[in-house]
N, C-alpha and C. Protein backbone atom coordinates (compact mmCIF):
# COMPACT_ATOMS: atom_id res chain seq x y z
N ASN A 1 1.03 30.36 -21.89
CA ASN A 1 1.72 29.46 -21.00
C ASN A 1 0.75 28.72 -20.07
N ASN A 2 -0.43 29.32 -19.81
CA ASN A 2 -1.44 28.65 -18.98
C ASN A 2 -2.04 27.44 -19.69
N ILE A 3 -2.02 27.44 -21.01
CA ILE A 3 -2.63 26.31 -21.75
C ILE A 3 -1.91 25.01 -21.41
N GLY A 4 -0.61 25.01 -21.28
CA GLY A 4 0.14 23.82 -20.94
C GLY A 4 -0.17 23.33 -19.53
N GLN A 5 -0.54 24.22 -18.63
CA GLN A 5 -0.80 23.82 -17.26
C GLN A 5 -2.22 23.31 -17.05
N LEU A 6 -3.12 23.56 -17.98
CA LEU A 6 -4.50 23.08 -17.84
C LEU A 6 -4.58 21.57 -17.83
N GLY A 7 -3.72 20.92 -18.56
CA GLY A 7 -3.76 19.46 -18.66
C GLY A 7 -2.87 18.78 -17.63
N MET A 8 -2.34 19.51 -16.69
CA MET A 8 -1.38 18.93 -15.73
C MET A 8 -2.08 18.51 -14.45
N VAL A 9 -1.64 17.43 -13.89
CA VAL A 9 -2.06 16.97 -12.60
C VAL A 9 -0.79 16.79 -11.77
N SER A 10 -0.77 17.33 -10.56
CA SER A 10 0.44 17.21 -9.75
C SER A 10 0.67 15.76 -9.38
N SER A 11 1.84 15.45 -8.95
CA SER A 11 2.17 14.05 -8.59
C SER A 11 1.35 13.60 -7.40
N THR A 12 1.08 14.50 -6.45
CA THR A 12 0.26 14.13 -5.28
C THR A 12 -1.18 13.83 -5.72
N GLU A 13 -1.72 14.66 -6.65
CA GLU A 13 -3.06 14.42 -7.14
C GLU A 13 -3.12 13.13 -7.94
N ALA A 14 -2.11 12.88 -8.79
CA ALA A 14 -2.06 11.65 -9.57
C ALA A 14 -2.01 10.41 -8.67
N LEU A 15 -1.19 10.46 -7.63
CA LEU A 15 -1.09 9.36 -6.70
C LEU A 15 -2.43 9.14 -5.98
N SER A 16 -3.07 10.23 -5.59
CA SER A 16 -4.38 10.13 -4.94
C SER A 16 -5.42 9.51 -5.88
N LEU A 17 -5.42 9.93 -7.15
CA LEU A 17 -6.40 9.41 -8.10
C LEU A 17 -6.15 7.93 -8.40
N ILE A 18 -4.89 7.54 -8.48
CA ILE A 18 -4.57 6.11 -8.70
C ILE A 18 -4.95 5.30 -7.47
N LEU A 19 -4.77 5.87 -6.30
CA LEU A 19 -5.17 5.19 -5.06
C LEU A 19 -6.70 5.02 -5.00
N VAL A 20 -7.42 6.07 -5.44
CA VAL A 20 -8.89 5.96 -5.52
C VAL A 20 -9.28 4.82 -6.48
N GLY A 21 -8.64 4.78 -7.64
CA GLY A 21 -8.93 3.69 -8.58
C GLY A 21 -8.62 2.34 -8.01
N ALA A 22 -7.55 2.22 -7.23
CA ALA A 22 -7.19 0.98 -6.58
C ALA A 22 -8.25 0.60 -5.51
N PHE A 23 -8.66 1.57 -4.71
CA PHE A 23 -9.70 1.29 -3.70
C PHE A 23 -10.98 0.82 -4.37
N TRP A 24 -11.43 1.56 -5.38
CA TRP A 24 -12.66 1.21 -6.05
C TRP A 24 -12.54 -0.13 -6.80
N GLY A 25 -11.49 -0.26 -7.56
CA GLY A 25 -11.32 -1.44 -8.39
C GLY A 25 -11.11 -2.73 -7.61
N CYS A 26 -10.31 -2.68 -6.57
CA CYS A 26 -10.06 -3.90 -5.78
C CYS A 26 -11.24 -4.30 -4.94
N THR A 27 -12.02 -3.37 -4.48
CA THR A 27 -13.10 -3.72 -3.57
C THR A 27 -14.36 -4.23 -4.31
N ASN A 28 -14.59 -3.81 -5.54
CA ASN A 28 -15.77 -4.30 -6.22
C ASN A 28 -15.83 -5.81 -6.36
N PRO A 29 -14.79 -6.50 -6.83
CA PRO A 29 -14.86 -7.96 -6.90
C PRO A 29 -14.96 -8.61 -5.51
N LEU A 30 -14.33 -7.98 -4.52
CA LEU A 30 -14.39 -8.53 -3.16
C LEU A 30 -15.81 -8.41 -2.60
N MET A 31 -16.48 -7.27 -2.83
CA MET A 31 -17.86 -7.13 -2.40
C MET A 31 -18.76 -8.14 -3.12
N ARG A 32 -18.55 -8.29 -4.44
CA ARG A 32 -19.36 -9.22 -5.20
C ARG A 32 -19.23 -10.62 -4.65
N LYS A 33 -17.98 -11.01 -4.34
CA LYS A 33 -17.75 -12.35 -3.78
C LYS A 33 -18.41 -12.49 -2.40
N GLY A 34 -18.32 -11.47 -1.59
CA GLY A 34 -18.94 -11.52 -0.26
C GLY A 34 -20.45 -11.62 -0.35
N PHE A 35 -21.07 -10.86 -1.30
CA PHE A 35 -22.51 -10.95 -1.46
C PHE A 35 -22.94 -12.34 -1.92
N VAL A 36 -22.19 -12.92 -2.86
CA VAL A 36 -22.53 -14.23 -3.37
C VAL A 36 -22.43 -15.29 -2.26
N GLU A 37 -21.35 -15.20 -1.47
CA GLU A 37 -21.18 -16.16 -0.36
C GLU A 37 -22.29 -16.01 0.66
N THR A 38 -22.63 -14.78 1.00
CA THR A 38 -23.69 -14.53 1.98
C THR A 38 -25.03 -15.01 1.45
N LYS A 39 -25.30 -14.75 0.16
CA LYS A 39 -26.58 -15.16 -0.42
C LYS A 39 -26.69 -16.70 -0.41
N SER A 40 -25.61 -17.39 -0.78
CA SER A 40 -25.69 -18.84 -0.80
C SER A 40 -25.87 -19.40 0.61
N THR A 41 -25.26 -18.77 1.61
CA THR A 41 -25.41 -19.22 3.01
C THR A 41 -26.84 -19.02 3.49
N THR A 42 -27.42 -17.86 3.20
CA THR A 42 -28.78 -17.57 3.66
C THR A 42 -29.79 -18.45 2.92
N GLU A 43 -29.51 -18.80 1.65
CA GLU A 43 -30.43 -19.67 0.91
C GLU A 43 -30.36 -21.07 1.48
N LYS A 44 -29.20 -21.54 1.92
CA LYS A 44 -29.08 -22.86 2.51
C LYS A 44 -29.86 -22.89 3.83
N ASN A 45 -29.75 -21.81 4.61
CA ASN A 45 -30.45 -21.74 5.89
C ASN A 45 -31.97 -21.61 5.69
N LYS A 46 -32.37 -20.94 4.59
CA LYS A 46 -33.79 -20.79 4.29
C LYS A 46 -34.46 -22.12 4.07
N GLY A 47 -33.72 -23.04 3.43
CA GLY A 47 -34.27 -24.34 3.16
C GLY A 47 -34.48 -25.16 4.42
N THR A 48 -33.68 -24.95 5.47
CA THR A 48 -33.85 -25.68 6.71
C THR A 48 -34.93 -25.11 7.56
N ASN A 49 -35.35 -23.87 7.34
CA ASN A 49 -36.43 -23.22 8.15
C ASN A 49 -37.69 -23.08 7.30
N SER A 50 -38.18 -24.21 6.80
CA SER A 50 -39.34 -24.15 5.89
C SER A 50 -40.64 -23.89 6.62
N ASN A 51 -40.68 -24.01 7.96
CA ASN A 51 -41.92 -23.80 8.72
C ASN A 51 -42.03 -22.39 9.27
N ASP A 52 -41.48 -21.40 8.54
CA ASP A 52 -41.51 -19.99 8.94
C ASP A 52 -42.92 -19.44 8.75
N THR A 53 -43.56 -19.05 9.87
CA THR A 53 -44.94 -18.55 9.79
C THR A 53 -44.98 -17.05 9.43
N ASN A 54 -43.87 -16.32 9.59
CA ASN A 54 -43.84 -14.90 9.29
C ASN A 54 -43.59 -14.63 7.81
N GLY A 55 -43.42 -15.65 7.04
CA GLY A 55 -43.22 -15.48 5.58
C GLY A 55 -41.88 -14.84 5.25
N GLY A 56 -41.93 -13.92 4.31
CA GLY A 56 -40.73 -13.33 3.78
C GLY A 56 -40.11 -12.27 4.66
N VAL A 57 -40.82 -11.73 5.64
CA VAL A 57 -40.32 -10.65 6.48
C VAL A 57 -39.13 -11.15 7.29
N LYS A 58 -39.28 -12.28 7.91
CA LYS A 58 -38.19 -12.82 8.73
C LYS A 58 -36.98 -13.16 7.90
N SER A 59 -37.20 -13.73 6.72
CA SER A 59 -36.06 -14.08 5.87
C SER A 59 -35.38 -12.83 5.32
N PHE A 60 -36.18 -11.80 5.04
CA PHE A 60 -35.60 -10.54 4.56
C PHE A 60 -34.68 -9.92 5.63
N ILE A 61 -35.19 -9.83 6.84
CA ILE A 61 -34.41 -9.28 7.95
C ILE A 61 -33.16 -10.13 8.22
N THR A 62 -33.33 -11.44 8.23
CA THR A 62 -32.21 -12.34 8.45
C THR A 62 -31.15 -12.17 7.37
N GLY A 63 -31.57 -12.01 6.14
CA GLY A 63 -30.63 -11.80 5.04
C GLY A 63 -29.85 -10.52 5.17
N LYS A 64 -30.54 -9.45 5.55
CA LYS A 64 -29.84 -8.15 5.74
C LYS A 64 -28.90 -8.19 6.90
N LEU A 65 -29.27 -8.84 7.98
CA LEU A 65 -28.39 -8.97 9.13
C LEU A 65 -27.16 -9.85 8.80
N ALA A 66 -27.38 -10.85 7.96
CA ALA A 66 -26.27 -11.68 7.52
C ALA A 66 -25.25 -10.87 6.71
N LEU A 67 -25.74 -9.95 5.89
CA LEU A 67 -24.83 -9.08 5.13
C LEU A 67 -24.02 -8.19 6.07
N LEU A 68 -24.71 -7.62 7.09
CA LEU A 68 -24.01 -6.75 8.02
C LEU A 68 -23.00 -7.52 8.87
N ALA A 69 -23.28 -8.77 9.14
CA ALA A 69 -22.37 -9.58 10.00
C ALA A 69 -21.19 -10.12 9.22
N ASN A 70 -21.28 -10.14 7.89
CA ASN A 70 -20.21 -10.72 7.08
C ASN A 70 -19.12 -9.71 6.80
N ILE A 71 -17.94 -9.93 7.35
CA ILE A 71 -16.82 -9.01 7.17
C ILE A 71 -16.41 -8.94 5.70
N LYS A 72 -16.68 -10.00 4.93
CA LYS A 72 -16.32 -10.01 3.52
C LYS A 72 -17.20 -9.08 2.70
N VAL A 73 -18.25 -8.55 3.29
CA VAL A 73 -19.11 -7.58 2.63
C VAL A 73 -18.81 -6.17 3.13
N TRP A 74 -18.84 -5.95 4.43
CA TRP A 74 -18.77 -4.58 4.92
C TRP A 74 -17.34 -4.04 4.94
N LEU A 75 -16.30 -4.86 5.06
CA LEU A 75 -14.94 -4.31 5.04
C LEU A 75 -14.57 -3.77 3.64
N PRO A 76 -14.81 -4.54 2.55
CA PRO A 76 -14.57 -3.95 1.22
C PRO A 76 -15.44 -2.72 0.97
N TYR A 77 -16.67 -2.74 1.47
CA TYR A 77 -17.54 -1.58 1.28
C TYR A 77 -16.97 -0.36 2.00
N LEU A 78 -16.49 -0.55 3.19
CA LEU A 78 -15.89 0.55 3.94
C LEU A 78 -14.65 1.12 3.23
N ILE A 79 -13.84 0.24 2.71
CA ILE A 79 -12.62 0.69 1.95
C ILE A 79 -13.06 1.42 0.67
N ASN A 80 -14.10 0.92 0.02
CA ASN A 80 -14.62 1.56 -1.16
C ASN A 80 -15.10 2.98 -0.86
N GLN A 81 -15.78 3.14 0.27
CA GLN A 81 -16.26 4.48 0.67
C GLN A 81 -15.11 5.40 1.06
N LEU A 82 -14.06 4.87 1.64
CA LEU A 82 -12.87 5.69 1.91
C LEU A 82 -12.28 6.18 0.60
N GLY A 83 -12.31 5.34 -0.43
CA GLY A 83 -11.86 5.78 -1.74
C GLY A 83 -12.72 6.91 -2.29
N SER A 84 -14.00 6.84 -2.03
CA SER A 84 -14.91 7.92 -2.47
C SER A 84 -14.61 9.22 -1.76
N LEU A 85 -14.31 9.13 -0.45
CA LEU A 85 -13.95 10.36 0.30
C LEU A 85 -12.67 10.97 -0.26
N LEU A 86 -11.68 10.12 -0.54
CA LEU A 86 -10.42 10.60 -1.12
C LEU A 86 -10.68 11.21 -2.51
N TYR A 87 -11.57 10.62 -3.27
CA TYR A 87 -11.92 11.11 -4.59
C TYR A 87 -12.51 12.52 -4.51
N TYR A 88 -13.45 12.74 -3.64
CA TYR A 88 -14.07 14.08 -3.50
C TYR A 88 -13.08 15.08 -2.98
N LYS A 89 -12.19 14.67 -2.09
CA LYS A 89 -11.15 15.59 -1.58
C LYS A 89 -10.20 15.98 -2.71
N THR A 90 -9.82 15.01 -3.52
CA THR A 90 -8.90 15.28 -4.62
C THR A 90 -9.56 16.12 -5.72
N LEU A 91 -10.85 15.90 -5.97
CA LEU A 91 -11.54 16.68 -6.99
C LEU A 91 -11.57 18.16 -6.69
N ALA A 92 -11.50 18.48 -5.42
CA ALA A 92 -11.55 19.92 -5.04
C ALA A 92 -10.37 20.67 -5.58
N SER A 93 -9.25 20.00 -5.81
CA SER A 93 -8.05 20.72 -6.24
C SER A 93 -7.48 20.26 -7.58
N SER A 94 -8.13 19.29 -8.22
CA SER A 94 -7.54 18.78 -9.45
C SER A 94 -8.41 19.10 -10.68
N ASN A 95 -7.85 18.87 -11.83
CA ASN A 95 -8.53 19.10 -13.09
C ASN A 95 -9.55 17.99 -13.34
N LEU A 96 -10.82 18.36 -13.39
CA LEU A 96 -11.92 17.41 -13.51
C LEU A 96 -11.82 16.58 -14.78
N THR A 97 -11.41 17.18 -15.87
CA THR A 97 -11.37 16.49 -17.15
C THR A 97 -10.31 15.39 -17.18
N LEU A 98 -9.34 15.45 -16.31
CA LEU A 98 -8.35 14.40 -16.19
C LEU A 98 -8.62 13.44 -15.03
N SER A 99 -9.19 13.96 -13.97
CA SER A 99 -9.38 13.18 -12.74
C SER A 99 -10.34 12.02 -12.95
N VAL A 100 -11.46 12.30 -13.59
CA VAL A 100 -12.49 11.24 -13.76
C VAL A 100 -11.98 10.10 -14.65
N PRO A 101 -11.35 10.37 -15.79
CA PRO A 101 -10.84 9.25 -16.61
C PRO A 101 -9.72 8.48 -15.90
N ILE A 102 -8.87 9.19 -15.15
CA ILE A 102 -7.78 8.49 -14.44
C ILE A 102 -8.37 7.54 -13.43
N CYS A 103 -9.32 7.98 -12.63
CA CYS A 103 -9.97 7.12 -11.62
C CYS A 103 -10.68 5.96 -12.24
N ASN A 104 -11.45 6.21 -13.27
CA ASN A 104 -12.23 5.14 -13.91
C ASN A 104 -11.33 4.12 -14.59
N ALA A 105 -10.31 4.58 -15.28
CA ALA A 105 -9.40 3.63 -15.96
C ALA A 105 -8.62 2.78 -14.97
N THR A 106 -8.11 3.42 -13.92
CA THR A 106 -7.36 2.64 -12.94
C THR A 106 -8.28 1.69 -12.15
N ALA A 107 -9.50 2.10 -11.91
CA ALA A 107 -10.45 1.23 -11.23
C ALA A 107 -10.72 0.00 -12.09
N MET A 108 -10.86 0.18 -13.39
CA MET A 108 -11.13 -0.95 -14.28
C MET A 108 -9.91 -1.91 -14.30
N VAL A 109 -8.72 -1.36 -14.34
CA VAL A 109 -7.52 -2.18 -14.33
C VAL A 109 -7.41 -2.98 -13.04
N PHE A 110 -7.57 -2.28 -11.92
CA PHE A 110 -7.46 -2.95 -10.62
C PHE A 110 -8.60 -3.98 -10.43
N SER A 111 -9.76 -3.68 -10.94
CA SER A 111 -10.87 -4.61 -10.84
C SER A 111 -10.59 -5.87 -11.65
N SER A 112 -10.01 -5.72 -12.85
CA SER A 112 -9.66 -6.87 -13.67
C SER A 112 -8.61 -7.72 -12.99
N ILE A 113 -7.59 -7.08 -12.43
CA ILE A 113 -6.52 -7.82 -11.75
C ILE A 113 -7.06 -8.56 -10.54
N THR A 114 -7.85 -7.87 -9.73
CA THR A 114 -8.43 -8.50 -8.51
C THR A 114 -9.35 -9.66 -8.92
N SER A 115 -10.18 -9.48 -9.93
CA SER A 115 -11.05 -10.54 -10.38
C SER A 115 -10.27 -11.76 -10.84
N ALA A 116 -9.18 -11.50 -11.56
CA ALA A 116 -8.34 -12.63 -12.01
C ALA A 116 -7.70 -13.34 -10.83
N ILE A 117 -7.25 -12.59 -9.83
CA ILE A 117 -6.66 -13.21 -8.63
C ILE A 117 -7.66 -14.06 -7.89
N LEU A 118 -8.91 -13.58 -7.86
CA LEU A 118 -9.99 -14.32 -7.16
C LEU A 118 -10.49 -15.50 -7.96
N GLY A 119 -10.06 -15.62 -9.25
CA GLY A 119 -10.45 -16.74 -10.05
C GLY A 119 -11.78 -16.54 -10.77
N GLU A 120 -12.25 -15.31 -10.87
CA GLU A 120 -13.49 -15.05 -11.60
C GLU A 120 -13.23 -15.22 -13.08
N ARG A 121 -14.19 -15.82 -13.76
CA ARG A 121 -14.09 -16.02 -15.21
C ARG A 121 -15.08 -15.12 -15.90
N VAL A 122 -14.66 -14.60 -17.05
CA VAL A 122 -15.52 -13.73 -17.86
C VAL A 122 -15.94 -14.53 -19.08
N ASN A 123 -17.26 -14.67 -19.27
CA ASN A 123 -17.76 -15.46 -20.40
C ASN A 123 -17.49 -14.79 -21.74
N GLN A 124 -17.63 -13.47 -21.78
CA GLN A 124 -17.41 -12.72 -23.03
C GLN A 124 -16.44 -11.59 -22.74
N PRO A 125 -15.14 -11.87 -22.79
CA PRO A 125 -14.13 -10.85 -22.41
C PRO A 125 -14.15 -9.62 -23.32
N GLY A 126 -14.50 -9.76 -24.59
CA GLY A 126 -14.58 -8.62 -25.48
C GLY A 126 -15.66 -7.63 -25.08
N ARG A 127 -16.80 -8.16 -24.71
CA ARG A 127 -17.90 -7.31 -24.25
C ARG A 127 -17.57 -6.68 -22.92
N ALA A 128 -16.89 -7.42 -22.04
CA ALA A 128 -16.51 -6.89 -20.74
C ALA A 128 -15.51 -5.75 -20.91
N ALA A 129 -14.58 -5.90 -21.83
CA ALA A 129 -13.56 -4.84 -22.06
C ALA A 129 -14.23 -3.57 -22.61
N LEU A 130 -15.30 -3.74 -23.36
CA LEU A 130 -16.00 -2.57 -23.91
C LEU A 130 -17.00 -2.02 -22.91
N GLY A 131 -17.25 -2.72 -21.81
CA GLY A 131 -18.19 -2.24 -20.83
C GLY A 131 -19.63 -2.50 -21.22
N VAL A 132 -19.85 -3.46 -22.10
CA VAL A 132 -21.20 -3.78 -22.59
C VAL A 132 -21.76 -4.95 -21.81
């Protein structure tokens, strides 16, 4: 009778794992978009400050500060990390062989949905679906 229970995940654990997948999946495209926007902004500003005598050090620090100041980068990152905390909490009481695939599969689904909503285009959807 224990064999049937080995493959079971409680409804609370399943909901937690799906929520983790949603946190991870939805935030990855948002972080990517925030990084791209921040990078393009810092590159535009770099072109206007061509007489920088400190070389790359000043631009490196400015770039990192721009990332920290951009809410489109750190808010999705914070939500992503909250998903990781929930993941580790849920792993303590759930079946590992089911938990990892549930989280990864739901993260991929939510990531695809979020990317589509954001208007991201995939050049090779077959390869993307296979993870290649």
